[in-house]
């Protein structure tokens, strides 16, 4: 059992201090210093386990035999690739508009960050996108999609899905621990993972509060 250390971390820039300050001494923003408890002696273990879990989770969604990949010429990258079906398609009028914004659809293995002011409908948009991905397309089978929320319960997400008449087989989960999220979804090998929102999740062993620059 390690010794607990108390520090104050700025949620705006990640600056760490040994005592509370009304104004961050690094970015000069007021009211951003948050109390953070850290257990000495377990930090290094947490960092190793956290990053190893993330690495294992990401590897499970990479193409098979990814370890055997090697540098190739630029001219050979897109050889034999069907550009019409390379991206994950989003069907229907709504899906077509989203695909147009994304340059033709979602790129497998990529990360897409959706931002906007509070209340503009980010969660609703993501839930609708998750439904389209889960339904698949006319040439393929439906694929699992996991929607994780760090701000709402699964019941609240389910109520929103009912209002939107979404009947897709989407897996819902509520958590803010990134290690826990990756462990729970890894066995599903989902086609897409939605995290709403990214500033609410954290990685154990990393100094800083959720939503901070360090996290």
C-alpha atoms as a PDB file:
ATOM      1  CA  UNK A   1       0.000   0.000   0.000  1.00  0.00           C
ATOM      2  CA  UNK A   2       1.675   3.256  -1.112  1.00  0.00           C
ATOM      3  CA  UNK A   3       1.680   6.644   0.562  1.00  0.00           C
ATOM      4  CA  UNK A   4      -0.970   9.060  -0.673  1.00  0.00           C
ATOM      5  CA  UNK A   5       0.232  12.363  -2.124  1.00  0.00           C
ATOM      6  CA  UNK A   6      -2.106  15.319  -2.585  1.00  0.00           C
ATOM      7  CA  UNK A   7      -1.434  17.768  -5.408  1.00  0.00           C
ATOM      8  CA  UNK A   8      -3.362  20.431  -7.282  1.00  0.00           C
ATOM      9  CA  UNK A   9      -3.651  20.152 -11.068  1.00  0.00           C
ATOM     10  CA  UNK A  10      -4.871  22.805 -13.484  1.00  0.00           C
ATOM     11  CA  UNK A  11      -7.682  21.394 -15.618  1.00  0.00           C
ATOM     12  CA  UNK A  12      -6.852  23.907 -18.353  1.00  0.00           C
ATOM     13  CA  UNK A  13      -3.110  23.412 -18.917  1.00  0.00           C
ATOM     14  CA  UNK A  14      -2.122  20.499 -16.651  1.00  0.00           C
ATOM     15  CA  UNK A  15       0.163  22.550 -14.378  1.00  0.00           C
ATOM     16  CA  UNK A  16       0.780  20.769 -11.057  1.00  0.00           C
ATOM     17  CA  UNK A  17       1.335  22.515  -7.719  1.00  0.00           C
ATOM     18  CA  UNK A  18       1.816  21.358  -4.172  1.00  0.00           C
ATOM     19  CA  UNK A  19      -0.861  23.714  -2.848  1.00  0.00           C
ATOM     20  CA  UNK A  20      -4.075  25.333  -4.043  1.00  0.00           C
ATOM     21  CA  UNK A  21      -3.937  28.584  -5.970  1.00  0.00           C
ATOM     22  CA  UNK A  22      -6.910  30.708  -6.980  1.00  0.00           C
ATOM     23  CA  UNK A  23      -5.200  31.438 -10.308  1.00  0.00           C
ATOM     24  CA  UNK A  24      -3.052  28.925 -12.200  1.00  0.00           C
ATOM     25  CA  UNK A  25       0.570  30.120 -12.072  1.00  0.00           C
ATOM     26  CA  UNK A  26       1.177  28.736 -15.567  1.00  0.00           C
ATOM     27  CA  UNK A  27      -1.795  29.776 -17.741  1.00  0.00           C
ATOM     28  CA  UNK A  28      -3.200  32.483 -15.395  1.00  0.00           C
ATOM     29  CA  UNK A  29      -6.750  31.081 -15.591  1.00  0.00           C
ATOM     30  CA  UNK A  30      -8.731  31.326 -12.347  1.00  0.00           C
ATOM     31  CA  UNK A  31     -10.707  28.537 -10.688  1.00  0.00           C
ATOM     32  CA  UNK A  32      -9.040  25.661 -12.574  1.00  0.00           C
ATOM     33  CA  UNK A  33      -6.921  24.091  -9.816  1.00  0.00           C
ATOM     34  CA  UNK A  34      -8.400  20.683  -8.929  1.00  0.00           C
ATOM     35  CA  UNK A  35      -7.379  18.454  -6.042  1.00  0.00           C
ATOM     36  CA  UNK A  36      -5.719  15.209  -7.135  1.00  0.00           C
ATOM     37  CA  UNK A  37      -4.811  12.243  -4.927  1.00  0.00           C
ATOM     38  CA  UNK A  38      -1.935  10.031  -6.020  1.00  0.00           C
ATOM     39  CA  UNK A  39      -0.631   6.884  -4.323  1.00  0.00           C
ATOM     40  CA  UNK A  40       3.154   6.700  -4.403  1.00  0.00           C
ATOM     41  CA  UNK A  41       4.642   3.312  -5.160  1.00  0.00           C
ATOM     42  CA  UNK A  42       1.805   2.226  -7.459  1.00  0.00           C
ATOM     43  CA  UNK A  43       2.183   4.916 -10.126  1.00  0.00           C
ATOM     44  CA  UNK A  44       4.666   3.045 -12.287  1.00  0.00           C
ATOM     45  CA  UNK A  45       2.604  -0.125 -12.126  1.00  0.00           C
ATOM     46  CA  UNK A  46      -0.500   1.795 -13.126  1.00  0.00           C
ATOM     47  CA  UNK A  47       1.250   3.379 -16.095  1.00  0.00           C
ATOM     48  CA  UNK A  48       2.531   0.068 -17.408  1.00  0.00           C
ATOM     49  CA  UNK A  49      -0.783  -1.724 -16.985  1.00  0.00           C
ATOM     50  CA  UNK A  50      -2.736   1.193 -18.445  1.00  0.00           C
ATOM     51  CA  UNK A  51      -0.710   1.518 -21.614  1.00  0.00           C
ATOM     52  CA  UNK A  52      -0.444  -2.243 -22.062  1.00  0.00           C
ATOM     53  CA  UNK A  53      -4.228  -2.583 -21.911  1.00  0.00           C
ATOM     54  CA  UNK A  54      -4.639   0.231 -24.440  1.00  0.00           C
ATOM     55  CA  UNK A  55      -2.058  -1.355 -26.742  1.00  0.00           C
ATOM     56  CA  UNK A  56      -3.682  -4.788 -26.529  1.00  0.00           C
ATOM     57  CA  UNK A  57      -7.122  -3.286 -27.166  1.00  0.00           C
ATOM     58  CA  UNK A  58      -5.958  -1.373 -30.221  1.00  0.00           C
ATOM     59  CA  UNK A  59      -4.060  -4.344 -31.624  1.00  0.00           C
ATOM     60  CA  UNK A  60      -7.209  -6.466 -31.520  1.00  0.00           C
ATOM     61  CA  UNK A  61      -8.771  -4.200 -34.185  1.00  0.00           C
ATOM     62  CA  UNK A  62      -5.736  -4.030 -36.466  1.00  0.00           C
ATOM     63  CA  UNK A  63      -5.584  -6.181 -39.628  1.00  0.00           C
ATOM     64  CA  UNK A  64      -4.315  -9.718 -39.160  1.00  0.00           C
ATOM     65  CA  UNK A  65      -0.544 -10.213 -39.326  1.00  0.00           C
ATOM     66  CA  UNK A  66      -0.021  -6.471 -38.810  1.00  0.00           C
ATOM     67  CA  UNK A  67       3.327  -7.280 -37.223  1.00  0.00           C
ATOM     68  CA  UNK A  68       4.565  -8.494 -40.603  1.00  0.00           C
ATOM     69  CA  UNK A  69       3.955  -5.148 -42.330  1.00  0.00           C
ATOM     70  CA  UNK A  70       6.944  -3.404 -43.861  1.00  0.00           C
ATOM     71  CA  UNK A  71       7.603  -0.119 -45.705  1.00  0.00           C
ATOM     72  CA  UNK A  72       6.208  -0.054 -49.232  1.00  0.00           C
ATOM     73  CA  UNK A  73       6.364   2.372 -52.150  1.00  0.00           C
ATOM     74  CA  UNK A  74       3.763   5.104 -52.342  1.00  0.00           C
ATOM     75  CA  UNK A  75       2.720   3.897 -55.801  1.00  0.00           C
ATOM     76  CA  UNK A  76       1.837   0.482 -54.340  1.00  0.00           C
ATOM     77  CA  UNK A  77      -0.235   1.713 -51.395  1.00  0.00           C
ATOM     78  CA  UNK A  78      -3.577   1.940 -53.211  1.00  0.00           C
ATOM     79  CA  UNK A  79      -2.938  -0.770 -55.779  1.00  0.00           C
ATOM     80  CA  UNK A  80      -5.958  -3.087 -56.012  1.00  0.00           C
ATOM     81  CA  UNK A  81      -7.985  -1.028 -53.533  1.00  0.00           C
ATOM     82  CA  UNK A  82     -11.674  -0.539 -54.258  1.00  0.00           C
ATOM     83  CA  UNK A  83     -12.090   3.115 -53.318  1.00  0.00           C
ATOM     84  CA  UNK A  84     -15.878   2.801 -53.357  1.00  0.00           C
ATOM     85  CA  UNK A  85     -15.862   0.259 -50.516  1.00  0.00           C
ATOM     86  CA  UNK A  86     -12.632   1.091 -48.703  1.00  0.00           C
ATOM     87  CA  UNK A  87     -14.295   3.431 -46.208  1.00  0.00           C
ATOM     88  CA  UNK A  88     -17.111   2.459 -43.874  1.00  0.00           C
ATOM     89  CA  UNK A  89     -20.254   3.609 -45.711  1.00  0.00           C
ATOM     90  CA  UNK A  90     -23.098   5.500 -44.052  1.00  0.00           C
ATOM     91  CA  UNK A  91     -26.310   4.982 -45.980  1.00  0.00           C
ATOM     92  CA  UNK A  92     -29.426   7.134 -46.333  1.00  0.00           C
ATOM     93  CA  UNK A  93     -29.819  10.916 -46.683  1.00  0.00           C
ATOM     94  CA  UNK A  94     -28.368  11.528 -43.208  1.00  0.00           C
ATOM     95  CA  UNK A  95     -25.501   9.124 -43.785  1.00  0.00           C
ATOM     96  CA  UNK A  96     -24.709  10.647 -47.164  1.00  0.00           C
ATOM     97  CA  UNK A  97     -24.337  14.105 -45.640  1.00  0.00           C
ATOM     98  CA  UNK A  98     -22.075  12.821 -42.851  1.00  0.00           C
ATOM     99  CA  UNK A  99     -19.993  10.855 -45.370  1.00  0.00           C
ATOM    100  CA  UNK A 100     -19.602  13.983 -47.484  1.00  0.00           C
ATOM    101  CA  UNK A 101     -18.258  15.905 -44.487  1.00  0.00           C
ATOM    102  CA  UNK A 102     -15.844  13.047 -43.702  1.00  0.00           C
ATOM    103  CA  UNK A 103     -14.581  12.859 -47.269  1.00  0.00           C
ATOM    104  CA  UNK A 104     -16.509   9.770 -48.323  1.00  0.00           C
ATOM    105  CA  UNK A 105     -17.140   7.883 -45.104  1.00  0.00           C
ATOM    106  CA  UNK A 106     -15.354   6.691 -41.992  1.00  0.00           C
ATOM    107  CA  UNK A 107     -11.786   5.435 -42.423  1.00  0.00           C
ATOM    108  CA  UNK A 108     -11.251   2.048 -40.691  1.00  0.00           C
ATOM    109  CA  UNK A 109      -8.776   2.367 -37.827  1.00  0.00           C
ATOM    110  CA  UNK A 110      -9.037   6.150 -37.679  1.00  0.00           C
ATOM    111  CA  UNK A 111     -10.116   8.460 -34.870  1.00  0.00           C
ATOM    112  CA  UNK A 112     -12.714  11.153 -35.509  1.00  0.00           C
ATOM    113  CA  UNK A 113     -13.165  13.930 -32.948  1.00  0.00           C
ATOM    114  CA  UNK A 114     -16.570  15.630 -32.934  1.00  0.00           C
ATOM    115  CA  UNK A 115     -16.631  19.019 -31.207  1.00  0.00           C
ATOM    116  CA  UNK A 116     -19.193  21.722 -30.572  1.00  0.00           C
ATOM    117  CA  UNK A 117     -20.834  23.906 -27.973  1.00  0.00           C
ATOM    118  CA  UNK A 118     -22.890  22.238 -25.207  1.00  0.00           C
ATOM    119  CA  UNK A 119     -26.406  21.370 -26.327  1.00  0.00           C
ATOM    120  CA  UNK A 120     -25.841  21.517 -30.092  1.00  0.00           C
ATOM    121  CA  UNK A 121     -26.627  17.797 -30.478  1.00  0.00           C
ATOM    122  CA  UNK A 122     -23.264  16.004 -30.473  1.00  0.00           C
ATOM    123  CA  UNK A 123     -24.587  13.002 -28.524  1.00  0.00           C
ATOM    124  CA  UNK A 124     -27.632  12.714 -30.781  1.00  0.00           C
ATOM    125  CA  UNK A 125     -25.441  12.881 -33.888  1.00  0.00           C
ATOM    126  CA  UNK A 126     -23.067  10.204 -32.567  1.00  0.00           C
ATOM    127  CA  UNK A 127     -25.925   7.890 -31.616  1.00  0.00           C
ATOM    128  CA  UNK A 128     -27.408   8.195 -35.116  1.00  0.00           C
ATOM    129  CA  UNK A 129     -24.006   7.499 -36.675  1.00  0.00           C
ATOM    130  CA  UNK A 130     -23.551   4.469 -34.424  1.00  0.00           C
ATOM    131  CA  UNK A 131     -26.896   3.131 -35.618  1.00  0.00           C
ATOM    132  CA  UNK A 132     -25.923   3.514 -39.285  1.00  0.00           C
ATOM    133  CA  UNK A 133     -22.614   1.724 -38.758  1.00  0.00           C
ATOM    134  CA  UNK A 134     -24.273  -1.085 -36.787  1.00  0.00           C
ATOM    135  CA  UNK A 135     -26.862  -1.660 -39.521  1.00  0.00           C
ATOM    136  CA  UNK A 136     -24.128  -2.228 -42.104  1.00  0.00           C
ATOM    137  CA  UNK A 137     -24.749  -1.793 -45.821  1.00  0.00           C
ATOM    138  CA  UNK A 138     -26.538  -3.736 -48.520  1.00  0.00           C
ATOM    139  CA  UNK A 139     -23.389  -5.658 -49.463  1.00  0.00           C
ATOM    140  CA  UNK A 140     -22.271  -6.489 -45.936  1.00  0.00           C
ATOM    141  CA  UNK A 141     -23.483  -7.841 -42.657  1.00  0.00           C
ATOM    142  CA  UNK A 142     -24.399  -5.839 -39.581  1.00  0.00           C
ATOM    143  CA  UNK A 143     -21.439  -5.185 -37.288  1.00  0.00           C
ATOM    144  CA  UNK A 144     -21.351  -4.506 -33.552  1.00  0.00           C
ATOM    145  CA  UNK A 145     -20.889  -0.920 -32.418  1.00  0.00           C
ATOM    146  CA  UNK A 146     -20.218   0.079 -28.814  1.00  0.00           C
ATOM    147  CA  UNK A 147     -21.450   3.429 -27.475  1.00  0.00           C
ATOM    148  CA  UNK A 148     -19.729   4.405 -24.226  1.00  0.00           C
ATOM    149  CA  UNK A 149     -20.863   7.404 -22.202  1.00  0.00           C
ATOM    150  CA  UNK A 150     -19.007   9.012 -19.336  1.00  0.00           C
ATOM    151  CA  UNK A 151     -21.789  11.508 -18.688  1.00  0.00           C
ATOM    152  CA  UNK A 152     -25.024   9.504 -18.905  1.00  0.00           C
ATOM    153  CA  UNK A 153     -26.328   6.140 -17.776  1.00  0.00           C
ATOM    154  CA  UNK A 154     -27.267   3.410 -20.244  1.00  0.00           C
ATOM    155  CA  UNK A 155     -30.921   4.077 -19.398  1.00  0.00           C
ATOM    156  CA  UNK A 156     -30.602   7.713 -20.475  1.00  0.00           C
ATOM    157  CA  UNK A 157     -28.938   6.702 -23.726  1.00  0.00           C
ATOM    158  CA  UNK A 158     -31.646   4.104 -24.283  1.00  0.00           C
ATOM    159  CA  UNK A 159     -34.357   6.732 -23.815  1.00  0.00           C
ATOM    160  CA  UNK A 160     -32.711   8.953 -26.418  1.00  0.00           C
ATOM    161  CA  UNK A 161     -32.507   6.002 -28.809  1.00  0.00           C
ATOM    162  CA  UNK A 162     -36.241   5.384 -28.314  1.00  0.00           C
ATOM    163  CA  UNK A 163     -37.037   9.013 -29.137  1.00  0.00           C
ATOM    164  CA  UNK A 164     -34.973   8.698 -32.313  1.00  0.00           C
ATOM    165  CA  UNK A 165     -36.636   5.329 -33.095  1.00  0.00           C
ATOM    166  CA  UNK A 166     -33.247   3.645 -33.281  1.00  0.00           C
ATOM    167  CA  UNK A 167     -33.653  -0.095 -33.145  1.00  0.00           C
ATOM    168  CA  UNK A 168     -30.154  -1.169 -34.090  1.00  0.00           C
ATOM    169  CA  UNK A 169     -28.233  -3.690 -32.040  1.00  0.00           C
ATOM    170  CA  UNK A 170     -25.904  -1.167 -30.389  1.00  0.00           C
ATOM    171  CA  UNK A 171     -24.028  -2.099 -27.228  1.00  0.00           C
ATOM    172  CA  UNK A 172     -24.317   0.560 -24.513  1.00  0.00           C
ATOM    173  CA  UNK A 173     -21.893   1.027 -21.634  1.00  0.00           C
ATOM    174  CA  UNK A 174     -21.268   3.734 -19.042  1.00  0.00           C
ATOM    175  CA  UNK A 175     -17.734   4.247 -17.729  1.00  0.00           C
ATOM    176  CA  UNK A 176     -14.933   6.815 -17.443  1.00  0.00           C
ATOM    177  CA  UNK A 177     -12.018   4.397 -16.913  1.00  0.00           C
ATOM    178  CA  UNK A 178     -10.309   3.835 -20.288  1.00  0.00           C
ATOM    179  CA  UNK A 179      -8.758   0.542 -19.121  1.00  0.00           C
ATOM    180  CA  UNK A 180     -12.164  -0.743 -18.060  1.00  0.00           C
ATOM    181  CA  UNK A 181     -13.722   0.363 -21.358  1.00  0.00           C
ATOM    182  CA  UNK A 182     -11.137  -1.417 -23.501  1.00  0.00           C
ATOM    183  CA  UNK A 183     -11.371  -4.616 -21.450  1.00  0.00           C
ATOM    184  CA  UNK A 184     -15.155  -4.744 -21.698  1.00  0.00           C
ATOM    185  CA  UNK A 185     -15.369  -4.087 -25.467  1.00  0.00           C
ATOM    186  CA  UNK A 186     -12.346  -6.068 -26.646  1.00  0.00           C
ATOM    187  CA  UNK A 187     -14.159  -9.410 -26.894  1.00  0.00           C
ATOM    188  CA  UNK A 188     -16.828  -7.810 -29.117  1.00  0.00           C
ATOM    189  CA  UNK A 189     -14.261  -6.613 -31.715  1.00  0.00           C
ATOM    190  CA  UNK A 190     -16.618  -3.759 -32.621  1.00  0.00           C
ATOM    191  CA  UNK A 191     -16.581  -2.076 -35.982  1.00  0.00           C
ATOM    192  CA  UNK A 192     -16.672   1.266 -34.202  1.00  0.00           C
ATOM    193  CA  UNK A 193     -16.293   2.551 -30.655  1.00  0.00           C
ATOM    194  CA  UNK A 194     -18.004   5.808 -29.656  1.00  0.00           C
ATOM    195  CA  UNK A 195     -16.806   7.572 -26.482  1.00  0.00           C
ATOM    196  CA  UNK A 196     -19.032  10.421 -25.286  1.00  0.00           C
ATOM    197  CA  UNK A 197     -17.274  12.438 -24.267  1.00  0.00           C
ATOM    198  CA  UNK A 198     -13.508  12.242 -24.446  1.00  0.00           C
ATOM    199  CA  UNK A 199     -12.920  14.791 -21.656  1.00  0.00           C
ATOM    200  CA  UNK A 200     -14.643  12.530 -19.127  1.00  0.00           C
ATOM    201  CA  UNK A 201     -12.374   9.485 -19.517  1.00  0.00           C
ATOM    202  CA  UNK A 202      -9.029   8.985 -17.779  1.00  0.00           C
ATOM    203  CA  UNK A 203      -6.092   6.580 -17.690  1.00  0.00           C
ATOM    204  CA  UNK A 204      -4.977   5.307 -14.294  1.00  0.00           C
ATOM    205  CA  UNK A 205      -1.420   6.154 -13.330  1.00  0.00           C
ATOM    206  CA  UNK A 206      -1.333   9.368 -15.355  1.00  0.00           C
ATOM    207  CA  UNK A 207      -1.134  12.592 -13.358  1.00  0.00           C
ATOM    208  CA  UNK A 208      -3.909  15.064 -14.059  1.00  0.00           C
ATOM    209  CA  UNK A 209      -7.668  15.233 -13.967  1.00  0.00           C
ATOM    210  CA  UNK A 210      -9.986  13.947 -16.739  1.00  0.00           C
ATOM    211  CA  UNK A 211     -10.155  16.458 -19.557  1.00  0.00           C
ATOM    212  CA  UNK A 212      -6.732  17.926 -18.781  1.00  0.00           C
ATOM    213  CA  UNK A 213      -3.907  18.177 -21.300  1.00  0.00           C
ATOM    214  CA  UNK A 214      -1.826  15.486 -19.588  1.00  0.00           C
ATOM    215  CA  UNK A 215      -4.674  12.983 -19.640  1.00  0.00           C
END
